[in-house]
Amino acid sequence: MGNQQSLEKVEHVVKEGINIYNQIKKEQNQHEQTTHYTSTTHVTHSTTTTTTTNYHPSADIDDDQVYSDLRQKAHEEAEKRNRYYDQSQQAYQNGDGAEAKELSNKGHYHDKLMKQYNEQAADHIYAVRNQGRPTNEIDLHGLFVKEASEKVEQAIQRCQASGQSDLVIIVGKGLHSPGQIAKLKPAIIDLVKRYNVSCQPNIPNPGCLYVEFGKGTGDLSWLDRITDKFVNDQCIIM
């Protein structure tokens, strides 16, 4: 009886270990994709590595201390998350499924904290940058691609509901990372198609996107031109 229970326990651990391993591999792929901890609108050049580095805000977010502190905390949590995921994978490879699971759970915990700090930072800087602006104008400085997409979608819905004819989106004069423009491009295309709006760059000023309602999706070939220029390492105006 005892041997049967021991065998069942071993089988359970093995199966659990396989599930953990598959989850860890998924997390490791996400880890590799987010190794360069940069923003959508050239806010940061920090790197998510296993060594401790500081978060460096860009001058174009006015050195907001609350924002910088929150991004720094998020960055530190990302580093802790990645270390625990790395250790979890190593533990599994060493045959210790229980340790792998415990380390993976710790990684999840720090991932949750990272997201909370990033959300607080995004909400704070967005409120600061958009205080007193017209209802059809938003400033996205300081936001990551996902954060910016959510704010743009909210603004589009608000403008359409209130009968606005257009929306001006301030994104900044230069996106310093090819990876970020690669993420921003599909986000813009998705929003344009879903809400059937047109979008053009540098209107009314450089560093702006001009969205018009009720005129169809229009021409988005300018996104390809921007991407091509980044491939050639040219700093262009968004």
Protein backbone atom coordinates (compact mmCIF):
# COMPACT_ATOMS: atom_id res chain seq x y z
CA MET A 1 0.00 0.00 0.00
CA GLY A 2 2.81 2.34 0.98
CA ASN A 3 4.74 1.61 -2.19
CA GLN A 4 1.63 2.24 -4.32
CA GLN A 5 1.07 5.61 -2.65
CA SER A 6 4.74 6.50 -3.13
CA LEU A 7 4.52 5.57 -6.81
CA GLU A 8 1.37 7.64 -7.27
CA LYS A 9 3.09 10.57 -5.57
CA VAL A 10 6.08 10.29 -7.88
CA GLU A 11 3.84 10.12 -10.94
CA HIS A 12 1.95 13.18 -9.73
CA VAL A 13 5.19 15.11 -9.24
CA VAL A 14 6.41 14.10 -12.70
CA LYS A 15 3.17 15.21 -14.36
CA GLU A 16 3.18 18.41 -12.37
CA GLY A 17 6.79 18.98 -13.35
CA ILE A 18 5.94 18.61 -17.03
CA ASN A 19 3.16 21.17 -16.68
CA ILE A 20 5.50 23.51 -14.83
CA TYR A 21 8.13 23.08 -17.51
CA ASN A 22 5.66 23.99 -20.27
CA GLN A 23 4.54 27.05 -18.34
CA ILE A 24 8.13 28.07 -17.67
CA LYS A 25 9.03 27.78 -21.35
CA LYS A 26 6.12 30.10 -22.16
CA GLU A 27 7.28 32.52 -19.48
CA GLN A 28 10.86 32.35 -20.72
CA ASN A 29 9.72 33.29 -24.23
CA GLN A 30 7.87 36.28 -22.77
CA HIS A 31 10.97 37.07 -20.74
CA GLU A 32 13.15 37.12 -23.85
CA GLN A 33 10.63 39.28 -25.70
CA THR A 34 10.62 41.86 -22.89
CA THR A 35 14.34 41.85 -22.12
CA HIS A 36 14.71 45.43 -23.35
CA TYR A 37 12.54 47.34 -20.93
CA THR A 38 11.71 50.34 -23.10
CA SER A 39 8.60 52.50 -23.62
CA THR A 40 6.35 53.27 -26.55
CA THR A 41 7.23 56.91 -26.58
CA HIS A 42 10.96 56.95 -25.92
CA VAL A 43 10.60 57.27 -22.18
CA THR A 44 13.21 54.79 -21.02
CA HIS A 45 16.30 52.97 -22.13
CA SER A 46 16.46 50.58 -19.16
CA THR A 47 17.22 46.90 -19.68
CA THR A 48 15.63 43.97 -17.88
CA THR A 49 18.59 41.80 -17.02
CA THR A 50 19.68 39.80 -14.01
CA THR A 51 21.91 42.65 -12.90
CA THR A 52 20.54 45.73 -11.13
CA THR A 53 20.25 48.80 -13.31
CA ASN A 54 18.37 52.03 -12.74
CA TYR A 55 15.36 53.28 -14.61
CA HIS A 56 16.21 56.46 -16.53
CA PRO A 57 13.29 58.68 -17.55
CA SER A 58 13.44 60.84 -20.63
CA ALA A 59 13.57 64.61 -20.33
CA ASP A 60 10.31 64.90 -22.27
CA ILE A 61 8.29 63.66 -19.29
CA ASP A 62 9.52 66.60 -17.22
CA ASP A 63 11.45 64.44 -14.74
CA ASP A 64 8.26 63.64 -12.85
CA GLN A 65 9.54 62.04 -9.64
CA VAL A 66 6.39 60.06 -8.83
CA TYR A 67 6.37 58.60 -12.33
CA SER A 68 10.09 57.80 -12.26
CA ASP A 69 9.86 56.12 -8.86
CA LEU A 70 6.96 53.93 -9.97
CA ARG A 71 8.70 52.88 -13.20
CA GLN A 72 11.86 52.13 -11.23
CA LYS A 73 9.89 49.93 -8.83
CA ALA A 74 8.28 48.13 -11.78
CA HIS A 75 11.71 47.62 -13.33
CA GLU A 76 13.06 46.12 -10.10
CA GLU A 77 10.07 43.77 -9.86
CA ALA A 78 10.66 42.69 -13.46
CA GLU A 79 14.25 41.80 -12.61
CA LYS A 80 13.11 39.76 -9.59
CA ARG A 81 10.47 38.03 -11.72
CA ASN A 82 12.99 37.07 -14.37
CA ARG A 83 15.48 35.75 -11.83
CA TYR A 84 12.83 33.52 -10.23
CA TYR A 85 11.71 32.22 -13.63
CA ASP A 86 15.33 31.44 -14.53
CA GLN A 87 15.85 29.66 -11.21
CA SER A 88 12.57 27.79 -11.65
CA GLN A 89 13.63 26.45 -15.02
CA GLN A 90 16.99 25.39 -13.60
CA ALA A 91 15.31 23.63 -10.69
CA TYR A 92 13.08 21.68 -13.05
CA GLN A 93 16.04 20.70 -15.21
CA ASN A 94 17.68 19.42 -12.02
CA GLY A 95 14.65 17.24 -11.35
CA ASP A 96 13.23 19.28 -8.47
CA GLY A 97 9.62 19.86 -9.53
CA ALA A 98 8.47 21.16 -6.13
CA GLU A 99 11.22 23.80 -6.03
CA ALA A 100 10.50 24.73 -9.64
CA LYS A 101 6.85 25.31 -8.79
CA GLU A 102 7.64 27.41 -5.73
CA LEU A 103 10.09 29.58 -7.66
CA SER A 104 7.63 29.96 -10.52
CA ASN A 105 4.94 31.15 -8.10
CA LYS A 106 7.38 33.72 -6.74
CA GLY A 107 7.97 34.85 -10.30
CA HIS A 108 4.21 35.26 -10.78
CA TYR A 109 4.02 37.35 -7.61
CA HIS A 110 6.69 39.79 -8.79
CA ASP A 111 5.13 39.90 -12.25
CA LYS A 112 1.87 41.02 -10.64
CA LEU A 113 3.68 43.74 -8.66
CA MET A 114 5.47 44.91 -11.82
CA LYS A 115 2.15 45.31 -13.62
CA GLN A 116 0.63 47.18 -10.68
CA TYR A 117 3.50 49.68 -10.52
CA ASN A 118 3.42 50.19 -14.29
CA GLU A 119 -0.32 50.79 -14.22
CA GLN A 120 0.07 53.35 -11.44
CA ALA A 121 2.87 55.08 -13.35
CA ALA A 122 0.84 55.19 -16.56
CA ASP A 123 -2.27 56.56 -14.85
CA HIS A 124 -0.23 59.19 -13.01
CA ILE A 125 1.72 60.54 -15.98
CA TYR A 126 -1.32 60.47 -18.23
CA ALA A 127 -3.30 62.54 -15.71
CA VAL A 128 -0.44 65.01 -15.34
CA ARG A 129 0.20 65.39 -19.08
CA ASN A 130 -3.47 65.75 -20.00
CA GLN A 131 -4.70 68.07 -17.30
CA GLY A 132 -6.54 70.99 -18.89
CA ARG A 133 -6.28 69.69 -22.47
CA PRO A 134 -9.23 69.84 -24.89
CA THR A 135 -11.40 66.72 -24.91
CA ASN A 136 -10.20 65.87 -28.42
CA GLU A 137 -6.47 65.98 -27.61
CA ILE A 138 -4.35 63.50 -25.62
CA ASP A 139 -0.66 63.29 -24.74
CA LEU A 140 0.87 59.78 -24.57
CA HIS A 141 4.36 60.69 -23.37
CA GLY A 142 5.56 58.21 -20.78
CA LEU A 143 3.35 55.28 -21.83
CA PHE A 144 4.24 51.81 -23.08
CA VAL A 145 2.59 50.53 -26.27
CA LYS A 146 -0.17 48.59 -24.49
CA GLU A 147 -0.86 51.48 -22.12
CA ALA A 148 -0.95 53.97 -24.99
CA SER A 149 -3.30 51.77 -27.02
CA GLU A 150 -5.74 51.59 -24.11
CA LYS A 151 -5.71 55.38 -23.64
CA VAL A 152 -6.19 55.99 -27.36
CA GLU A 153 -9.11 53.57 -27.49
CA GLN A 154 -10.77 55.31 -24.54
CA ALA A 155 -10.25 58.71 -26.21
CA ILE A 156 -11.69 57.49 -29.53
CA GLN A 157 -14.78 56.14 -27.79
CA ARG A 158 -15.20 59.36 -25.83
CA CYS A 159 -14.81 61.58 -28.91
CA GLN A 160 -17.20 59.51 -31.01
CA ALA A 161 -19.80 59.50 -28.22
CA SER A 162 -19.59 63.30 -27.87
CA GLY A 163 -19.73 63.94 -31.62
CA GLN A 164 -16.16 65.18 -32.07
CA SER A 165 -14.88 65.28 -35.65
CA ASP A 166 -11.25 64.55 -34.83
CA LEU A 167 -8.68 63.58 -32.20
CA VAL A 168 -5.11 64.83 -31.86
CA ILE A 169 -2.69 62.33 -30.30
CA ILE A 170 0.66 63.66 -29.11
CA VAL A 171 3.24 60.86 -29.20
CA GLY A 172 6.55 62.73 -29.29
CA LYS A 173 9.11 63.65 -31.90
CA GLY A 174 11.08 60.43 -32.03
CA LEU A 175 10.71 56.76 -31.20
CA HIS A 176 14.19 55.59 -30.29
CA SER A 177 13.62 51.84 -30.56
CA PRO A 178 12.87 49.86 -33.74
CA GLY A 179 11.19 47.29 -31.53
CA GLN A 180 8.75 49.83 -30.20
CA ILE A 181 7.70 51.18 -33.61
CA ALA A 182 7.25 47.54 -34.64
CA LYS A 183 4.77 47.17 -31.76
CA LEU A 184 3.14 50.55 -32.33
CA LYS A 185 2.43 49.89 -36.00
CA PRO A 186 0.00 46.95 -35.54
CA ALA A 187 -1.60 48.74 -32.58
CA ILE A 188 -2.39 51.75 -34.80
CA ILE A 189 -3.66 49.55 -37.63
CA ASP A 190 -5.90 47.61 -35.23
CA LEU A 191 -7.48 50.75 -33.77
CA VAL A 192 -7.94 52.37 -37.19
CA LYS A 193 -9.74 49.31 -38.56
CA ARG A 194 -11.84 48.60 -35.50
CA TYR A 195 -13.14 52.16 -35.24
CA ASN A 196 -13.09 52.94 -38.98
CA VAL A 197 -11.08 56.16 -38.57
CA SER A 198 -8.30 57.75 -40.59
CA CYS A 199 -4.90 58.49 -39.07
CA GLN A 200 -2.12 60.72 -40.39
CA PRO A 201 1.23 61.74 -38.86
CA ASN A 202 2.59 65.21 -38.03
CA ILE A 203 -0.78 66.98 -38.06
CA PRO A 204 -1.26 69.63 -36.73
CA ASN A 205 2.35 69.55 -35.49
CA PRO A 206 5.39 67.25 -35.69
CA GLY A 207 5.11 64.48 -33.12
CA CYS A 208 1.32 64.23 -33.46
CA LEU A 209 -1.10 61.73 -34.95
CA TYR A 210 -4.29 63.18 -36.39
CA VAL A 211 -7.38 60.97 -36.25
CA GLU A 212 -10.54 61.87 -38.18
CA PHE A 213 -13.92 60.24 -37.66
CA GLY A 214 -16.39 59.30 -40.37
CA LYS A 215 -13.94 59.29 -43.28
CA GLY A 216 -12.92 55.63 -43.45
CA THR A 217 -9.51 54.20 -42.68
CA GLY A 218 -7.60 56.13 -45.35
CA ASP A 219 -3.97 55.53 -46.35
CA LEU A 220 -1.63 53.95 -43.79
CA SER A 221 1.41 53.61 -46.06
CA TRP A 222 3.23 56.19 -43.92
CA LEU A 223 3.60 53.48 -41.25
CA ASP A 224 5.68 51.42 -43.68
CA ARG A 225 7.85 54.43 -44.48
CA ILE A 226 8.49 55.01 -40.79
CA THR A 227 9.40 51.36 -40.27
CA ASP A 228 11.78 51.43 -43.25
CA LYS A 229 13.56 54.48 -41.86
CA PHE A 230 14.04 52.77 -38.50
CA VAL A 231 15.61 49.78 -40.26
CA ASN A 232 18.20 52.22 -41.59
CA ASP A 233 18.77 53.58 -38.05
CA GLN A 234 17.43 57.00 -38.90
CA CYS A 235 15.88 59.10 -36.17
CA ILE A 236 12.62 60.26 -37.70
CA ILE A 237 9.75 62.43 -36.61
CA MET A 238 6.68 60.52 -35.61
